[in-house]
Amino acid sequence: MKKKVIAVLMGGTSSEREISLLSGKEIVRVLQKRRNFEVKIYDPKNDLKKLVQEKDKIDFAIPILHGPQGEDGKIQGFLEVFSIPYTFSDVEASALGMDKYVQKKLYQHSGILTAPFFLLTKDDWQKQIAQIPKSFFNEKIVIKPNQNGSSFAIFIVKGLVQVKKYLPKVFAYDKEILLEKYIKGKEITVAVLGKGDRAQALPVVEIVPPGEFFDYQCKYDGSTQEIVPARIPQKLTQKAKDYAIKVHRLLGCSGVTRTDMIIQNSKIYVLEINTIPGFTKESLVPKAAAAAGISFDDLVLKLIELAERGESVSEKT
């Protein structure tokens, strides 16, 4: 039987490069145990020319890349130009999933509860911030890059003076910044597998960080409690799953996604979706899958199965 050649794209150029390499390493480990797969590894930072040269030998790709240049539709468009089918979401869904501001506008129009927010751009932020109601700055505010992941450069502050103090630190990561009202409550996340009407939610994960929020350090240093299933009433569990599936479908996502939310006073606020969630040993999607009886190995193979069924990206033409 001819082996399927799978290209694992890992690394990249974003601030989440190290997490991508860890995720890719775990996926490669699973695939290399299967006799029916031949695994080729490409780092988009250096290997795109090599990938193009070998494109005709590749059956499909797994772009386990996080952040800009990997999760925002650019690498997906690159793969489509060279007719290389791939797992996870397509160009449009990836672009939407990376842009927090656009996501939140879509949530508002679709009746999905999300925290109040404003967008600042690097060139016009002074004019834009002057137009925000002063009352917005009376409570805690989350400042974050509009297009980034893994909780990089996120700060919780209060007052206009503090906001202005931290803007340069966040603009160092992105030319657009999202100001979002801080919602204090229980953090949860829900992974979704599949596409369209066949999309299914995995068990809800409750996140209990040691500090004020689930930042980059506590995501990966083992200090955060991750409880599956989440300690919430069944009614909220079902609502969280429904929200995650609705967001997944709204953006046209496929493969697997993970949607982060906050519960406050029995209301669920959607924060954002991750169209290429982490696949490290500390990552949340594998933990949710394990609670559903899906091993890490089977989860990786499920990605391939979804791609082959057309529930990730259509087959090679």
C-alpha atoms as a PDB file:
ATOM      1  CA  MET A   1       0.000   0.000   0.000  1.00  0.00           C
ATOM      2  CA  LYS A   2       1.330   3.419  -0.981  1.00  0.00           C
ATOM      3  CA  LYS A   3       2.099   5.650   1.941  1.00  0.00           C
ATOM      4  CA  LYS A   4       0.325   9.000   2.260  1.00  0.00           C
ATOM      5  CA  VAL A   5       2.783  11.849   2.404  1.00  0.00           C
ATOM      6  CA  ILE A   6       1.856  14.338   5.100  1.00  0.00           C
ATOM      7  CA  ALA A   7       3.597  17.695   5.341  1.00  0.00           C
ATOM      8  CA  VAL A   8       3.661  19.047   8.898  1.00  0.00           C
ATOM      9  CA  LEU A   9       4.212  22.805   8.857  1.00  0.00           C
ATOM     10  CA  MET A  10       5.575  23.933  12.217  1.00  0.00           C
ATOM     11  CA  GLY A  11       7.542  26.832  13.633  1.00  0.00           C
ATOM     12  CA  GLY A  12       6.916  29.908  11.519  1.00  0.00           C
ATOM     13  CA  THR A  13       7.761  33.514  12.276  1.00  0.00           C
ATOM     14  CA  SER A  14       5.197  34.639  14.861  1.00  0.00           C
ATOM     15  CA  SER A  15       5.715  35.208  18.579  1.00  0.00           C
ATOM     16  CA  GLU A  16       4.097  31.788  19.070  1.00  0.00           C
ATOM     17  CA  ARG A  17       6.832  29.950  17.197  1.00  0.00           C
ATOM     18  CA  GLU A  18       7.966  27.895  20.192  1.00  0.00           C
ATOM     19  CA  ILE A  19       4.439  26.667  20.924  1.00  0.00           C
ATOM     20  CA  SER A  20       4.022  25.727  17.267  1.00  0.00           C
ATOM     21  CA  LEU A  21       7.241  23.692  17.391  1.00  0.00           C
ATOM     22  CA  LEU A  22       6.038  21.865  20.508  1.00  0.00           C
ATOM     23  CA  SER A  23       2.637  21.182  18.932  1.00  0.00           C
ATOM     24  CA  GLY A  24       4.257  20.013  15.702  1.00  0.00           C
ATOM     25  CA  LYS A  25       6.614  17.701  17.550  1.00  0.00           C
ATOM     26  CA  GLU A  26       3.675  15.921  19.193  1.00  0.00           C
ATOM     27  CA  ILE A  27       1.793  15.562  15.908  1.00  0.00           C
ATOM     28  CA  VAL A  28       4.886  14.235  14.122  1.00  0.00           C
ATOM     29  CA  ARG A  29       5.395  11.717  16.932  1.00  0.00           C
ATOM     30  CA  VAL A  30       1.893  10.327  16.368  1.00  0.00           C
ATOM     31  CA  LEU A  31       2.136  10.185  12.578  1.00  0.00           C
ATOM     32  CA  GLN A  32       5.555   8.540  12.514  1.00  0.00           C
ATOM     33  CA  LYS A  33       4.154   5.565  14.431  1.00  0.00           C
ATOM     34  CA  ARG A  34       1.800   4.803  11.506  1.00  0.00           C
ATOM     35  CA  ARG A  35       3.191   2.671   8.702  1.00  0.00           C
ATOM     36  CA  ASN A  36       0.784   4.162   6.172  1.00  0.00           C
ATOM     37  CA  PHE A  37       2.174   7.702   6.568  1.00  0.00           C
ATOM     38  CA  GLU A  38       5.368   9.322   5.388  1.00  0.00           C
ATOM     39  CA  VAL A  39       5.958  12.525   7.340  1.00  0.00           C
ATOM     40  CA  LYS A  40       7.793  15.534   5.958  1.00  0.00           C
ATOM     41  CA  ILE A  41       8.538  18.525   8.200  1.00  0.00           C
ATOM     42  CA  TYR A  42       8.645  22.088   6.901  1.00  0.00           C
ATOM     43  CA  ASP A  43       9.315  25.279   8.848  1.00  0.00           C
ATOM     44  CA  PRO A  44       7.730  28.194   6.935  1.00  0.00           C
ATOM     45  CA  LYS A  45      10.482  30.432   8.297  1.00  0.00           C
ATOM     46  CA  ASN A  46      13.002  28.720   5.987  1.00  0.00           C
ATOM     47  CA  ASP A  47      11.375  25.917   3.988  1.00  0.00           C
ATOM     48  CA  LEU A  48       8.636  27.414   1.783  1.00  0.00           C
ATOM     49  CA  LYS A  49      10.752  27.101  -1.373  1.00  0.00           C
ATOM     50  CA  LYS A  50      11.453  23.466  -0.545  1.00  0.00           C
ATOM     51  CA  LEU A  51       7.741  22.884   0.088  1.00  0.00           C
ATOM     52  CA  VAL A  52       6.871  24.237  -3.356  1.00  0.00           C
ATOM     53  CA  GLN A  53       9.539  22.104  -4.991  1.00  0.00           C
ATOM     54  CA  GLU A  54       8.103  18.978  -3.352  1.00  0.00           C
ATOM     55  CA  LYS A  55       4.415  19.901  -3.622  1.00  0.00           C
ATOM     56  CA  ASP A  56       3.512  17.172  -6.111  1.00  0.00           C
ATOM     57  CA  LYS A  57       4.646  14.494  -3.656  1.00  0.00           C
ATOM     58  CA  ILE A  58       2.443  15.771  -0.815  1.00  0.00           C
ATOM     59  CA  ASP A  59      -1.017  14.310  -0.224  1.00  0.00           C
ATOM     60  CA  PHE A  60      -1.958  16.989   2.309  1.00  0.00           C
ATOM     61  CA  ALA A  61      -0.532  19.322   4.917  1.00  0.00           C
ATOM     62  CA  ILE A  62      -1.083  19.928   8.618  1.00  0.00           C
ATOM     63  CA  PRO A  63      -0.257  23.606   9.256  1.00  0.00           C
ATOM     64  CA  ILE A  64       0.161  23.491  13.037  1.00  0.00           C
ATOM     65  CA  LEU A  65       1.098  27.174  13.119  1.00  0.00           C
ATOM     66  CA  HIS A  66      -0.105  29.732  15.644  1.00  0.00           C
ATOM     67  CA  GLY A  67      -0.459  33.482  15.336  1.00  0.00           C
ATOM     68  CA  PRO A  68       0.196  35.813  12.361  1.00  0.00           C
ATOM     69  CA  GLN A  69       1.539  34.282   9.140  1.00  0.00           C
ATOM     70  CA  GLY A  70       0.264  30.860  10.191  1.00  0.00           C
ATOM     71  CA  GLU A  71      -3.238  31.099  11.614  1.00  0.00           C
ATOM     72  CA  ASP A  72      -4.520  34.161   9.760  1.00  0.00           C
ATOM     73  CA  GLY A  73      -5.174  32.712   6.307  1.00  0.00           C
ATOM     74  CA  LYS A  74      -1.831  33.574   4.708  1.00  0.00           C
ATOM     75  CA  ILE A  75      -0.266  30.107   4.812  1.00  0.00           C
ATOM     76  CA  GLN A  76      -3.664  28.627   3.902  1.00  0.00           C
ATOM     77  CA  GLY A  77      -3.745  30.819   0.787  1.00  0.00           C
ATOM     78  CA  PHE A  78      -0.182  29.786  -0.025  1.00  0.00           C
ATOM     79  CA  LEU A  79      -1.139  26.102   0.179  1.00  0.00           C
ATOM     80  CA  GLU A  80      -4.182  26.658  -2.021  1.00  0.00           C
ATOM     81  CA  VAL A  81      -2.139  28.430  -4.695  1.00  0.00           C
ATOM     82  CA  PHE A  82      -0.037  25.283  -5.028  1.00  0.00           C
ATOM     83  CA  SER A  83      -3.030  22.899  -4.747  1.00  0.00           C
ATOM     84  CA  ILE A  84      -1.883  21.358  -1.461  1.00  0.00           C
ATOM     85  CA  PRO A  85      -4.931  20.340   0.600  1.00  0.00           C
ATOM     86  CA  TYR A  86      -4.656  20.990   4.324  1.00  0.00           C
ATOM     87  CA  THR A  87      -6.296  20.448   7.688  1.00  0.00           C
ATOM     88  CA  PHE A  88      -8.015  23.026   9.924  1.00  0.00           C
ATOM     89  CA  SER A  89      -9.967  26.008   8.550  1.00  0.00           C
ATOM     90  CA  ASP A  90      -9.744  27.600   5.104  1.00  0.00           C
ATOM     91  CA  VAL A  91      -8.441  31.047   4.141  1.00  0.00           C
ATOM     92  CA  GLU A  92     -11.574  33.052   4.946  1.00  0.00           C
ATOM     93  CA  ALA A  93     -12.361  31.334   8.231  1.00  0.00           C
ATOM     94  CA  SER A  94      -8.726  31.604   9.321  1.00  0.00           C
ATOM     95  CA  ALA A  95      -8.629  35.333   8.560  1.00  0.00           C
ATOM     96  CA  LEU A  96     -11.871  35.932  10.450  1.00  0.00           C
ATOM     97  CA  GLY A  97     -10.696  33.801  13.341  1.00  0.00           C
ATOM     98  CA  MET A  98      -7.499  35.820  13.720  1.00  0.00           C
ATOM     99  CA  ASP A  99      -9.184  39.232  13.735  1.00  0.00           C
ATOM    100  CA  LYS A 100     -10.711  39.704  17.188  1.00  0.00           C
ATOM    101  CA  TYR A 101     -12.450  42.965  16.256  1.00  0.00           C
ATOM    102  CA  VAL A 102     -14.201  41.507  13.206  1.00  0.00           C
ATOM    103  CA  GLN A 103     -15.145  38.422  15.214  1.00  0.00           C
ATOM    104  CA  LYS A 104     -16.769  40.503  17.922  1.00  0.00           C
ATOM    105  CA  LYS A 105     -18.723  42.543  15.374  1.00  0.00           C
ATOM    106  CA  LEU A 106     -20.027  39.289  13.923  1.00  0.00           C
ATOM    107  CA  TYR A 107     -20.931  38.047  17.406  1.00  0.00           C
ATOM    108  CA  GLN A 108     -22.925  41.197  18.088  1.00  0.00           C
ATOM    109  CA  HIS A 109     -24.857  40.884  14.820  1.00  0.00           C
ATOM    110  CA  SER A 110     -25.578  37.203  15.530  1.00  0.00           C
ATOM    111  CA  GLY A 111     -26.911  37.633  19.054  1.00  0.00           C
ATOM    112  CA  ILE A 112     -23.831  36.173  20.734  1.00  0.00           C
ATOM    113  CA  LEU A 113     -22.960  37.970  23.966  1.00  0.00           C
ATOM    114  CA  THR A 114     -19.485  39.536  24.044  1.00  0.00           C
ATOM    115  CA  ALA A 115     -17.809  42.183  26.215  1.00  0.00           C
ATOM    116  CA  PRO A 116     -18.002  45.858  25.116  1.00  0.00           C
ATOM    117  CA  PHE A 117     -14.974  46.787  23.004  1.00  0.00           C
ATOM    118  CA  PHE A 118     -13.191  49.438  20.943  1.00  0.00           C
ATOM    119  CA  LEU A 119     -10.456  49.253  18.303  1.00  0.00           C
ATOM    120  CA  LEU A 120      -7.384  51.497  18.240  1.00  0.00           C
ATOM    121  CA  THR A 121      -4.992  51.733  15.304  1.00  0.00           C
ATOM    122  CA  LYS A 122      -1.331  52.692  15.668  1.00  0.00           C
ATOM    123  CA  ASP A 123      -1.580  55.796  13.456  1.00  0.00           C
ATOM    124  CA  ASP A 124      -4.865  57.231  14.772  1.00  0.00           C
ATOM    125  CA  TRP A 125      -5.193  55.946  18.345  1.00  0.00           C
ATOM    126  CA  GLN A 126      -5.182  59.415  19.963  1.00  0.00           C
ATOM    127  CA  LYS A 127      -8.148  60.573  17.899  1.00  0.00           C
ATOM    128  CA  GLN A 128      -9.935  57.240  18.383  1.00  0.00           C
ATOM    129  CA  ILE A 129      -9.412  57.057  22.137  1.00  0.00           C
ATOM    130  CA  ALA A 130     -10.826  60.579  22.540  1.00  0.00           C
ATOM    131  CA  GLN A 131     -14.106  59.346  21.032  1.00  0.00           C
ATOM    132  CA  ILE A 132     -14.554  56.535  23.575  1.00  0.00           C
ATOM    133  CA  PRO A 133     -17.017  57.405  26.381  1.00  0.00           C
ATOM    134  CA  LYS A 134     -15.124  58.331  29.550  1.00  0.00           C
ATOM    135  CA  SER A 135     -17.312  55.955  31.547  1.00  0.00           C
ATOM    136  CA  PHE A 136     -15.649  53.051  29.714  1.00  0.00           C
ATOM    137  CA  PHE A 137     -12.416  53.756  31.580  1.00  0.00           C
ATOM    138  CA  ASN A 138     -14.037  53.675  35.035  1.00  0.00           C
ATOM    139  CA  GLU A 139     -13.806  49.889  35.157  1.00  0.00           C
ATOM    140  CA  LYS A 140     -11.029  47.414  34.442  1.00  0.00           C
ATOM    141  CA  ILE A 141     -10.073  47.114  30.778  1.00  0.00           C
ATOM    142  CA  VAL A 142      -8.275  44.364  28.888  1.00  0.00           C
ATOM    143  CA  ILE A 143      -5.726  45.632  26.361  1.00  0.00           C
ATOM    144  CA  LYS A 144      -4.596  43.129  23.719  1.00  0.00           C
ATOM    145  CA  PRO A 145      -3.256  42.900  20.169  1.00  0.00           C
ATOM    146  CA  ASN A 146      -6.108  42.538  17.714  1.00  0.00           C
ATOM    147  CA  GLN A 147      -4.351  39.765  15.809  1.00  0.00           C
ATOM    148  CA  ASN A 148      -2.254  37.546  18.025  1.00  0.00           C
ATOM    149  CA  GLY A 149      -2.683  34.489  20.231  1.00  0.00           C
ATOM    150  CA  SER A 150      -1.397  32.589  23.255  1.00  0.00           C
ATOM    151  CA  SER A 151      -2.246  35.625  25.432  1.00  0.00           C
ATOM    152  CA  PHE A 152       0.853  37.551  24.333  1.00  0.00           C
ATOM    153  CA  ALA A 153       1.005  41.236  25.354  1.00  0.00           C
ATOM    154  CA  ILE A 154      -2.302  41.242  27.231  1.00  0.00           C
ATOM    155  CA  PHE A 155      -2.709  43.652  30.144  1.00  0.00           C
ATOM    156  CA  ILE A 156      -5.548  44.395  32.562  1.00  0.00           C
ATOM    157  CA  VAL A 157      -5.604  48.031  33.661  1.00  0.00           C
ATOM    158  CA  LYS A 158      -7.976  50.685  34.976  1.00  0.00           C
ATOM    159  CA  GLY A 159      -8.239  54.318  33.941  1.00  0.00           C
ATOM    160  CA  LEU A 160      -7.262  56.258  30.837  1.00  0.00           C
ATOM    161  CA  VAL A 161      -3.784  57.071  32.170  1.00  0.00           C
ATOM    162  CA  GLN A 162      -2.969  53.377  32.612  1.00  0.00           C
ATOM    163  CA  VAL A 163      -4.373  52.507  29.202  1.00  0.00           C
ATOM    164  CA  LYS A 164      -2.117  55.070  27.528  1.00  0.00           C
ATOM    165  CA  LYS A 165       0.864  53.805  29.518  1.00  0.00           C
ATOM    166  CA  TYR A 166       0.491  50.267  28.176  1.00  0.00           C
ATOM    167  CA  LEU A 167      -0.420  51.054  24.573  1.00  0.00           C
ATOM    168  CA  PRO A 168       3.208  51.172  23.329  1.00  0.00           C
ATOM    169  CA  LYS A 169       3.887  47.714  24.773  1.00  0.00           C
ATOM    170  CA  VAL A 170       0.946  46.235  22.889  1.00  0.00           C
ATOM    171  CA  PHE A 171       1.543  48.173  19.667  1.00  0.00           C
ATOM    172  CA  ALA A 172       4.943  46.478  19.595  1.00  0.00           C
ATOM    173  CA  TYR A 173       3.037  43.277  18.687  1.00  0.00           C
ATOM    174  CA  ASP A 174       0.332  44.624  16.381  1.00  0.00           C
ATOM    175  CA  LYS A 175      -0.689  47.790  14.553  1.00  0.00           C
ATOM    176  CA  GLU A 176      -4.225  47.339  15.926  1.00  0.00           C
ATOM    177  CA  ILE A 177      -5.246  47.070  19.579  1.00  0.00           C
ATOM    178  CA  LEU A 178      -8.493  45.914  21.115  1.00  0.00           C
ATOM    179  CA  LEU A 179      -9.772  47.557  24.291  1.00  0.00           C
ATOM    180  CA  GLU A 180     -12.279  45.270  25.956  1.00  0.00           C
ATOM    181  CA  LYS A 181     -14.243  45.605  29.175  1.00  0.00           C
ATOM    182  CA  TYR A 182     -12.850  43.148  31.724  1.00  0.00           C
ATOM    183  CA  ILE A 183     -15.439  40.538  32.653  1.00  0.00           C
ATOM    184  CA  LYS A 184     -14.665  38.901  35.986  1.00  0.00           C
ATOM    185  CA  GLY A 185     -15.993  35.372  36.142  1.00  0.00           C
ATOM    186  CA  LYS A 186     -15.339  31.714  35.467  1.00  0.00           C
ATOM    187  CA  GLU A 187     -13.154  31.060  32.425  1.00  0.00           C
ATOM    188  CA  ILE A 188     -14.164  28.172  30.174  1.00  0.00           C
ATOM    189  CA  THR A 189     -13.270  26.934  26.712  1.00  0.00           C
ATOM    190  CA  VAL A 190     -15.038  24.620  24.281  1.00  0.00           C
ATOM    191  CA  ALA A 191     -13.469  22.711  21.396  1.00  0.00           C
ATOM    192  CA  VAL A 192     -15.487  21.837  18.287  1.00  0.00           C
ATOM    193  CA  LEU A 193     -14.709  19.091  15.768  1.00  0.00           C
ATOM    194  CA  GLY A 194     -16.006  18.915  12.212  1.00  0.00           C
ATOM    195  CA  LYS A 195     -17.745  21.306   9.853  1.00  0.00           C
ATOM    196  CA  GLY A 196     -21.195  22.787   9.322  1.00  0.00           C
ATOM    197  CA  ASP A 197     -24.107  20.672  10.480  1.00  0.00           C
ATOM    198  CA  ARG A 198     -21.744  17.844  11.460  1.00  0.00           C
ATOM    199  CA  ALA A 199     -19.759  19.990  13.902  1.00  0.00           C
ATOM    200  CA  GLN A 200     -19.711  18.571  17.430  1.00  0.00           C
ATOM    201  CA  ALA A 201     -18.595  20.105  20.722  1.00  0.00           C
ATOM    202  CA  LEU A 202     -16.232  18.356  23.117  1.00  0.00           C
ATOM    203  CA  PRO A 203     -16.640  18.560  26.917  1.00  0.00           C
ATOM    204  CA  VAL A 204     -16.384  22.048  28.415  1.00  0.00           C
ATOM    205  CA  VAL A 205     -13.051  22.818  30.104  1.00  0.00           C
ATOM    206  CA  GLU A 206     -12.939  25.081  33.161  1.00  0.00           C
ATOM    207  CA  ILE A 207      -9.766  27.157  33.465  1.00  0.00           C
ATOM    208  CA  VAL A 208      -8.583  28.271  36.906  1.00  0.00           C
ATOM    209  CA  PRO A 209      -5.455  30.435  36.496  1.00  0.00           C
ATOM    210  CA  PRO A 210      -3.356  31.400  39.529  1.00  0.00           C
ATOM    211  CA  GLY A 211      -3.619  35.082  38.664  1.00  0.00           C
ATOM    212  CA  GLU A 212      -6.165  37.493  37.256  1.00  0.00           C
ATOM    213  CA  PHE A 213      -6.433  35.820  33.866  1.00  0.00           C
ATOM    214  CA  PHE A 214      -5.120  32.961  31.710  1.00  0.00           C
ATOM    215  CA  ASP A 215      -1.915  34.593  30.432  1.00  0.00           C
ATOM    216  CA  TYR A 216       0.931  33.151  28.352  1.00  0.00           C
ATOM    217  CA  GLN A 217       3.048  32.026  31.294  1.00  0.00           C
ATOM    218  CA  CYS A 218       0.337  30.174  33.184  1.00  0.00           C
ATOM    219  CA  LYS A 219      -0.872  28.561  29.947  1.00  0.00           C
ATOM    220  CA  TYR A 220       2.313  26.558  29.685  1.00  0.00           C
ATOM    221  CA  ASP A 221       4.000  26.433  33.106  1.00  0.00           C
ATOM    222  CA  GLY A 222       1.569  24.006  34.708  1.00  0.00           C
ATOM    223  CA  SER A 223       0.297  26.489  37.316  1.00  0.00           C
ATOM    224  CA  THR A 224      -3.262  26.595  35.960  1.00  0.00           C
ATOM    225  CA  GLN A 225      -5.972  24.133  36.955  1.00  0.00           C
ATOM    226  CA  GLU A 226      -7.861  22.762  33.962  1.00  0.00           C
ATOM    227  CA  ILE A 227     -10.991  20.926  35.038  1.00  0.00           C
ATOM    228  CA  VAL A 228     -12.924  18.699  32.649  1.00  0.00           C
ATOM    229  CA  PRO A 229     -15.880  18.673  32.672  1.00  0.00           C
ATOM    230  CA  ALA A 230     -16.318  22.229  33.920  1.00  0.00           C
ATOM    231  CA  ARG A 231     -18.042  22.673  37.288  1.00  0.00           C
ATOM    232  CA  ILE A 232     -21.073  24.464  35.900  1.00  0.00           C
ATOM    233  CA  PRO A 233     -24.792  23.585  35.688  1.00  0.00           C
ATOM    234  CA  GLN A 234     -25.939  21.420  32.809  1.00  0.00           C
ATOM    235  CA  LYS A 235     -27.936  24.309  31.342  1.00  0.00           C
ATOM    236  CA  LEU A 236     -24.794  26.468  31.103  1.00  0.00           C
ATOM    237  CA  THR A 237     -22.787  23.524  29.786  1.00  0.00           C
ATOM    238  CA  GLN A 238     -25.227  23.099  26.921  1.00  0.00           C
ATOM    239  CA  LYS A 239     -25.340  26.839  26.244  1.00  0.00           C
ATOM    240  CA  ALA A 240     -21.529  27.003  26.100  1.00  0.00           C
ATOM    241  CA  LYS A 241     -21.441  24.110  23.646  1.00  0.00           C
ATOM    242  CA  ASP A 242     -24.169  25.731  21.543  1.00  0.00           C
ATOM    243  CA  TYR A 243     -22.242  29.011  21.486  1.00  0.00           C
ATOM    244  CA  ALA A 244     -19.017  27.252  20.449  1.00  0.00           C
ATOM    245  CA  ILE A 245     -20.747  25.439  17.589  1.00  0.00           C
ATOM    246  CA  LYS A 246     -22.536  28.620  16.519  1.00  0.00           C
ATOM    247  CA  VAL A 247     -19.251  30.568  16.426  1.00  0.00           C
ATOM    248  CA  HIS A 248     -17.512  27.709  14.584  1.00  0.00           C
ATOM    249  CA  ARG A 249     -20.245  27.683  11.933  1.00  0.00           C
ATOM    250  CA  LEU A 250     -20.606  31.478  11.801  1.00  0.00           C
ATOM    251  CA  LEU A 251     -16.973  31.882  10.777  1.00  0.00           C
ATOM    252  CA  GLY A 252     -17.105  28.850   8.455  1.00  0.00           C
ATOM    253  CA  CYS A 253     -14.508  26.905  10.428  1.00  0.00           C
ATOM    254  CA  SER A 254     -13.565  23.266   9.993  1.00  0.00           C
ATOM    255  CA  GLY A 255     -11.258  20.624  11.427  1.00  0.00           C
ATOM    256  CA  VAL A 256     -11.030  21.639  15.078  1.00  0.00           C
ATOM    257  CA  THR A 257     -11.398  24.986  16.847  1.00  0.00           C
ATOM    258  CA  ARG A 258     -11.472  26.165  20.451  1.00  0.00           C
ATOM    259  CA  THR A 259     -13.647  29.033  21.670  1.00  0.00           C
ATOM    260  CA  ASP A 260     -12.831  30.875  24.908  1.00  0.00           C
ATOM    261  CA  MET A 261     -15.605  32.283  27.101  1.00  0.00           C
ATOM    262  CA  ILE A 262     -16.299  33.863  30.490  1.00  0.00           C
ATOM    263  CA  ILE A 263     -19.298  33.090  32.698  1.00  0.00           C
ATOM    264  CA  GLN A 264     -20.551  35.933  34.874  1.00  0.00           C
ATOM    265  CA  ASN A 265     -23.870  35.814  36.744  1.00  0.00           C
ATOM    266  CA  SER A 266     -25.056  32.889  34.587  1.00  0.00           C
ATOM    267  CA  LYS A 267     -24.351  34.836  31.409  1.00  0.00           C
ATOM    268  CA  ILE A 268     -21.771  33.529  28.927  1.00  0.00           C
ATOM    269  CA  TYR A 269     -19.562  36.067  27.144  1.00  0.00           C
ATOM    270  CA  VAL A 270     -17.648  34.811  24.108  1.00  0.00           C
ATOM    271  CA  LEU A 271     -14.075  36.112  23.989  1.00  0.00           C
ATOM    272  CA  GLU A 272     -12.549  34.647  20.824  1.00  0.00           C
ATOM    273  CA  ILE A 273     -12.039  31.549  18.712  1.00  0.00           C
ATOM    274  CA  ASN A 274      -8.769  29.744  17.985  1.00  0.00           C
ATOM    275  CA  THR A 275      -8.765  28.173  14.528  1.00  0.00           C
ATOM    276  CA  ILE A 276      -5.501  26.271  15.095  1.00  0.00           C
ATOM    277  CA  PRO A 277      -5.448  25.457  18.816  1.00  0.00           C
ATOM    278  CA  GLY A 278      -2.369  24.088  20.507  1.00  0.00           C
ATOM    279  CA  PHE A 279      -1.479  20.392  20.432  1.00  0.00           C
ATOM    280  CA  THR A 280       1.141  20.345  23.189  1.00  0.00           C
ATOM    281  CA  LYS A 281       0.934  18.156  26.284  1.00  0.00           C
ATOM    282  CA  GLU A 282      -0.399  21.188  28.176  1.00  0.00           C
ATOM    283  CA  SER A 283      -2.945  22.186  25.517  1.00  0.00           C
ATOM    284  CA  LEU A 284      -6.659  22.328  26.207  1.00  0.00           C
ATOM    285  CA  VAL A 285      -8.118  20.590  23.155  1.00  0.00           C
ATOM    286  CA  PRO A 286      -6.320  17.270  23.812  1.00  0.00           C
ATOM    287  CA  LYS A 287      -7.552  17.406  27.427  1.00  0.00           C
ATOM    288  CA  ALA A 288     -11.131  17.979  26.302  1.00  0.00           C
ATOM    289  CA  ALA A 289     -10.802  15.157  23.777  1.00  0.00           C
ATOM    290  CA  ALA A 290      -9.459  12.816  26.463  1.00  0.00           C
ATOM    291  CA  ALA A 291     -12.534  13.562  28.590  1.00  0.00           C
ATOM    292  CA  ALA A 292     -14.651  12.495  25.603  1.00  0.00           C
ATOM    293  CA  GLY A 293     -12.700   9.235  25.311  1.00  0.00           C
ATOM    294  CA  ILE A 294     -10.542  10.395  22.396  1.00  0.00           C
ATOM    295  CA  SER A 295      -6.820   9.785  22.908  1.00  0.00           C
ATOM    296  CA  PHE A 296      -4.208  12.254  21.664  1.00  0.00           C
ATOM    297  CA  ASP A 297      -3.225   9.877  18.870  1.00  0.00           C
ATOM    298  CA  ASP A 298      -6.831   9.416  17.800  1.00  0.00           C
ATOM    299  CA  LEU A 299      -7.390  13.180  17.873  1.00  0.00           C
ATOM    300  CA  VAL A 300      -4.514  13.728  15.437  1.00  0.00           C
ATOM    301  CA  LEU A 301      -5.820  10.973  13.181  1.00  0.00           C
ATOM    302  CA  LYS A 302      -9.278  12.547  13.427  1.00  0.00           C
ATOM    303  CA  LEU A 303      -7.862  15.725  11.867  1.00  0.00           C
ATOM    304  CA  ILE A 304      -6.722  13.690   8.887  1.00  0.00           C
ATOM    305  CA  GLU A 305     -10.035  11.861   8.693  1.00  0.00           C
ATOM    306  CA  LEU A 306     -11.950  15.152   8.680  1.00  0.00           C
ATOM    307  CA  ALA A 307      -9.719  16.478   5.900  1.00  0.00           C
ATOM    308  CA  GLU A 308     -10.293  13.367   3.817  1.00  0.00           C
ATOM    309  CA  ARG A 309     -14.062  13.611   4.357  1.00  0.00           C
ATOM    310  CA  GLY A 310     -14.031  17.242   3.233  1.00  0.00           C
ATOM    311  CA  GLU A 311     -14.763  18.499   6.741  1.00  0.00           C
ATOM    312  CA  SER A 312     -11.497  20.332   6.941  1.00  0.00           C
ATOM    313  CA  VAL A 313     -10.497  21.412   3.426  1.00  0.00           C
ATOM    314  CA  SER A 314     -11.574  19.800   0.165  1.00  0.00           C
ATOM    315  CA  GLU A 315      -9.499  17.060  -1.415  1.00  0.00           C
ATOM    316  CA  LYS A 316      -6.711  17.768  -3.858  1.00  0.00           C
ATOM    317  CA  THR A 317      -7.981  18.619  -7.338  1.00  0.00           C
END
